[in-house]
Amino acid sequence: MKTAVQLLQNYLDAVQTPQLAAALFADDGVLELPYLQTLGLPHRAQGPQAIAAFIAGLLQKVPDFRFRNIQFLIDTPTQAFGEYSVEAAIAGTDRIYKQTYAGRLVAQQGKITLLRESLDTLAAWRAFSGEPQH
């Protein structure tokens, strides 16, 4: 049975294949980015089908979205916490989406029950709104 860190690594590695990434979640598993709510963006998906659709929507906007510079800071059988980054072009623009995420994963019986990620919402807003980045 996979540990929480193994599940988080597998998710980060599979993000380019939404169905594969979503299959790591329990039937009622949740992917949550609560701070996106402040930007009026979708911020929660529950269940593998909704999670796959959420990831696919992101990939339409940022086709080369891949996690890099992965560091795990907490590693227990049922919980993991890590930091990871993305730097990729936004489709149809000359802008770059550059972001560092912090993710807390909770696992049960070899599946992800919760992955809650935080990010710099100002950087996200600037990248997607076209505002200058400083």
C-alpha atoms as a PDB file:
ATOM      1  CA  MET A   1       0.000   0.000   0.000  1.00  0.00           C
ATOM      2  CA  LYS A   2       1.357   3.426  -0.945  1.00  0.00           C
ATOM      3  CA  THR A   3       2.349   5.910   1.730  1.00  0.00           C
ATOM      4  CA  ALA A   4       1.235   9.536   1.692  1.00  0.00           C
ATOM      5  CA  VAL A   5       4.553  10.738   0.249  1.00  0.00           C
ATOM      6  CA  GLN A   6       4.438   8.080  -2.470  1.00  0.00           C
ATOM      7  CA  LEU A   7       0.904   9.179  -3.375  1.00  0.00           C
ATOM      8  CA  LEU A   8       1.911  12.845  -3.463  1.00  0.00           C
ATOM      9  CA  GLN A   9       4.935  12.061  -5.654  1.00  0.00           C
ATOM     10  CA  ASN A  10       2.762   9.947  -7.972  1.00  0.00           C
ATOM     11  CA  TYR A  11       0.189  12.755  -8.224  1.00  0.00           C
ATOM     12  CA  LEU A  12       2.850  15.365  -8.976  1.00  0.00           C
ATOM     13  CA  ASP A  13       4.397  13.094 -11.619  1.00  0.00           C
ATOM     14  CA  ALA A  14       1.023  12.315 -13.242  1.00  0.00           C
ATOM     15  CA  VAL A  15      -0.472  15.820 -13.438  1.00  0.00           C
ATOM     16  CA  GLN A  16      -0.005  15.865 -17.238  1.00  0.00           C
ATOM     17  CA  THR A  17      -2.398  12.877 -17.452  1.00  0.00           C
ATOM     18  CA  PRO A  18      -5.562  13.965 -15.599  1.00  0.00           C
ATOM     19  CA  GLN A  19      -7.205  10.518 -15.469  1.00  0.00           C
ATOM     20  CA  LEU A  20      -4.054   8.940 -14.056  1.00  0.00           C
ATOM     21  CA  ALA A  21      -3.602  11.680 -11.440  1.00  0.00           C
ATOM     22  CA  ALA A  22      -7.281  11.529 -10.460  1.00  0.00           C
ATOM     23  CA  ALA A  23      -7.197   7.733 -10.105  1.00  0.00           C
ATOM     24  CA  LEU A  24      -4.948   8.199  -7.060  1.00  0.00           C
ATOM     25  CA  PHE A  25      -7.875   9.738  -5.154  1.00  0.00           C
ATOM     26  CA  ALA A  26     -10.481   7.854  -3.143  1.00  0.00           C
ATOM     27  CA  ASP A  27     -14.027   7.856  -4.523  1.00  0.00           C
ATOM     28  CA  ASP A  28     -14.845  10.757  -2.198  1.00  0.00           C
ATOM     29  CA  GLY A  29     -11.323  12.254  -2.268  1.00  0.00           C
ATOM     30  CA  VAL A  30     -10.922  16.014  -2.536  1.00  0.00           C
ATOM     31  CA  LEU A  31      -8.503  18.293  -4.356  1.00  0.00           C
ATOM     32  CA  GLU A  32      -8.775  21.718  -2.802  1.00  0.00           C
ATOM     33  CA  LEU A  33      -7.084  25.048  -3.494  1.00  0.00           C
ATOM     34  CA  PRO A  34      -9.027  27.229  -1.055  1.00  0.00           C
ATOM     35  CA  TYR A  35      -7.204  30.463  -1.865  1.00  0.00           C
ATOM     36  CA  LEU A  36      -8.409  30.390  -5.476  1.00  0.00           C
ATOM     37  CA  GLN A  37     -11.843  31.206  -4.108  1.00  0.00           C
ATOM     38  CA  THR A  38     -10.594  34.753  -3.424  1.00  0.00           C
ATOM     39  CA  LEU A  39     -10.029  35.103  -7.180  1.00  0.00           C
ATOM     40  CA  GLY A  40     -13.484  33.753  -8.013  1.00  0.00           C
ATOM     41  CA  LEU A  41     -11.982  30.598  -9.520  1.00  0.00           C
ATOM     42  CA  PRO A  42     -12.977  26.968  -9.041  1.00  0.00           C
ATOM     43  CA  HIS A  43     -11.230  25.840  -5.890  1.00  0.00           C
ATOM     44  CA  ARG A  44     -12.544  22.387  -5.005  1.00  0.00           C
ATOM     45  CA  ALA A  45     -13.127  19.117  -6.832  1.00  0.00           C
ATOM     46  CA  GLN A  46     -14.420  15.937  -5.224  1.00  0.00           C
ATOM     47  CA  GLY A  47     -14.165  12.452  -6.679  1.00  0.00           C
ATOM     48  CA  PRO A  48     -11.857  11.206  -9.429  1.00  0.00           C
ATOM     49  CA  GLN A  49     -14.092  12.357 -12.302  1.00  0.00           C
ATOM     50  CA  ALA A  50     -14.366  15.943 -11.035  1.00  0.00           C
ATOM     51  CA  ILE A  51     -10.652  16.017 -10.175  1.00  0.00           C
ATOM     52  CA  ALA A  52      -9.707  14.824 -13.682  1.00  0.00           C
ATOM     53  CA  ALA A  53     -11.916  17.560 -15.183  1.00  0.00           C
ATOM     54  CA  PHE A  54     -10.337  20.182 -12.888  1.00  0.00           C
ATOM     55  CA  ILE A  55      -6.817  19.173 -13.949  1.00  0.00           C
ATOM     56  CA  ALA A  56      -7.811  18.983 -17.631  1.00  0.00           C
ATOM     57  CA  GLY A  57      -9.182  22.532 -17.420  1.00  0.00           C
ATOM     58  CA  LEU A  58      -5.894  23.748 -15.977  1.00  0.00           C
ATOM     59  CA  LEU A  59      -3.943  22.007 -18.736  1.00  0.00           C
ATOM     60  CA  GLN A  60      -6.030  23.783 -21.374  1.00  0.00           C
ATOM     61  CA  LYS A  61      -4.788  27.085 -19.956  1.00  0.00           C
ATOM     62  CA  VAL A  62      -1.225  25.949 -19.167  1.00  0.00           C
ATOM     63  CA  PRO A  63      -0.446  22.971 -21.445  1.00  0.00           C
ATOM     64  CA  ASP A  64       3.120  22.474 -20.163  1.00  0.00           C
ATOM     65  CA  PHE A  65       2.059  22.540 -16.487  1.00  0.00           C
ATOM     66  CA  ARG A  66       4.498  20.279 -14.622  1.00  0.00           C
ATOM     67  CA  PHE A  67       5.637  20.249 -11.030  1.00  0.00           C
ATOM     68  CA  ARG A  68       9.342  20.776 -10.402  1.00  0.00           C
ATOM     69  CA  ASN A  69      11.681  21.388  -7.462  1.00  0.00           C
ATOM     70  CA  ILE A  70       9.739  18.996  -5.247  1.00  0.00           C
ATOM     71  CA  GLN A  71      10.659  18.942  -1.564  1.00  0.00           C
ATOM     72  CA  PHE A  72       8.901  16.806   1.029  1.00  0.00           C
ATOM     73  CA  LEU A  73       8.880  18.336   4.492  1.00  0.00           C
ATOM     74  CA  ILE A  74       6.520  15.940   6.304  1.00  0.00           C
ATOM     75  CA  ASP A  75       6.462  12.209   5.618  1.00  0.00           C
ATOM     76  CA  THR A  76       4.239   9.915   7.673  1.00  0.00           C
ATOM     77  CA  PRO A  77       2.288   6.882   6.449  1.00  0.00           C
ATOM     78  CA  THR A  78      -0.965   8.879   6.303  1.00  0.00           C
ATOM     79  CA  GLN A  79       0.146  12.502   5.828  1.00  0.00           C
ATOM     80  CA  ALA A  80       2.619  14.318   3.634  1.00  0.00           C
ATOM     81  CA  PHE A  81       3.501  17.926   3.120  1.00  0.00           C
ATOM     82  CA  GLY A  82       5.610  19.293   0.334  1.00  0.00           C
ATOM     83  CA  GLU A  83       6.555  22.327  -1.667  1.00  0.00           C
ATOM     84  CA  TYR A  84       6.797  22.279  -5.444  1.00  0.00           C
ATOM     85  CA  SER A  85       6.862  24.787  -8.255  1.00  0.00           C
ATOM     86  CA  VAL A  86       5.607  25.367 -11.776  1.00  0.00           C
ATOM     87  CA  GLU A  87       6.943  27.592 -14.522  1.00  0.00           C
ATOM     88  CA  ALA A  88       5.140  27.274 -17.837  1.00  0.00           C
ATOM     89  CA  ALA A  89       3.670  29.381 -20.617  1.00  0.00           C
ATOM     90  CA  ILE A  90      -0.009  30.300 -20.566  1.00  0.00           C
ATOM     91  CA  ALA A  91      -1.672  29.180 -23.813  1.00  0.00           C
ATOM     92  CA  GLY A  92      -2.309  31.916 -26.367  1.00  0.00           C
ATOM     93  CA  THR A  93      -0.292  34.558 -24.488  1.00  0.00           C
ATOM     94  CA  ASP A  94       3.291  35.612 -23.987  1.00  0.00           C
ATOM     95  CA  ARG A  95       2.877  35.270 -20.206  1.00  0.00           C
ATOM     96  CA  ILE A  96       4.499  32.713 -17.915  1.00  0.00           C
ATOM     97  CA  TYR A  97       2.717  31.088 -15.000  1.00  0.00           C
ATOM     98  CA  LYS A  98       5.324  30.928 -12.254  1.00  0.00           C
ATOM     99  CA  GLN A  99       4.149  29.569  -8.945  1.00  0.00           C
ATOM    100  CA  THR A 100       5.241  27.763  -5.807  1.00  0.00           C
ATOM    101  CA  TYR A 101       2.716  25.461  -4.205  1.00  0.00           C
ATOM    102  CA  ALA A 102       2.558  23.996  -0.711  1.00  0.00           C
ATOM    103  CA  GLY A 103       0.510  20.829  -0.489  1.00  0.00           C
ATOM    104  CA  ARG A 104      -0.794  18.776   2.408  1.00  0.00           C
ATOM    105  CA  LEU A 105      -1.958  15.288   1.521  1.00  0.00           C
ATOM    106  CA  VAL A 106      -3.993  12.929   3.708  1.00  0.00           C
ATOM    107  CA  ALA A 107      -4.119   9.258   2.735  1.00  0.00           C
ATOM    108  CA  GLN A 108      -6.201   6.285   3.788  1.00  0.00           C
ATOM    109  CA  GLN A 109      -5.915   2.734   2.492  1.00  0.00           C
ATOM    110  CA  GLY A 110      -3.501   3.702  -0.283  1.00  0.00           C
ATOM    111  CA  LYS A 111      -5.661   6.490  -1.740  1.00  0.00           C
ATOM    112  CA  ILE A 112      -5.668  10.273  -1.430  1.00  0.00           C
ATOM    113  CA  THR A 113      -8.585  11.481   0.678  1.00  0.00           C
ATOM    114  CA  LEU A 114      -7.493  15.131   0.681  1.00  0.00           C
ATOM    115  CA  LEU A 115      -4.915  17.194  -1.149  1.00  0.00           C
ATOM    116  CA  ARG A 116      -5.091  20.817  -0.040  1.00  0.00           C
ATOM    117  CA  GLU A 117      -2.752  23.169  -1.845  1.00  0.00           C
ATOM    118  CA  SER A 118      -1.884  26.783  -1.196  1.00  0.00           C
ATOM    119  CA  LEU A 119      -0.309  29.198  -3.649  1.00  0.00           C
ATOM    120  CA  ASP A 120       0.489  32.847  -4.221  1.00  0.00           C
ATOM    121  CA  THR A 121      -2.876  34.153  -5.432  1.00  0.00           C
ATOM    122  CA  LEU A 122      -1.418  37.514  -6.472  1.00  0.00           C
ATOM    123  CA  ALA A 123       1.056  35.785  -8.787  1.00  0.00           C
ATOM    124  CA  ALA A 124      -1.767  33.648 -10.201  1.00  0.00           C
ATOM    125  CA  TRP A 125      -3.993  36.657 -10.746  1.00  0.00           C
ATOM    126  CA  ARG A 126      -1.224  38.604 -12.464  1.00  0.00           C
ATOM    127  CA  ALA A 127      -0.364  35.682 -14.740  1.00  0.00           C
ATOM    128  CA  PHE A 128      -3.922  35.028 -15.833  1.00  0.00           C
ATOM    129  CA  SER A 129      -5.176  38.625 -15.886  1.00  0.00           C
ATOM    130  CA  GLY A 130      -2.291  39.978 -17.910  1.00  0.00           C
ATOM    131  CA  GLU A 131      -1.179  42.401 -15.200  1.00  0.00           C
ATOM    132  CA  PRO A 132       2.561  43.118 -15.134  1.00  0.00           C
ATOM    133  CA  GLN A 133       4.589  40.808 -12.936  1.00  0.00           C
ATOM    134  CA  HIS A 134       7.212  42.370 -10.693  1.00  0.00           C
END
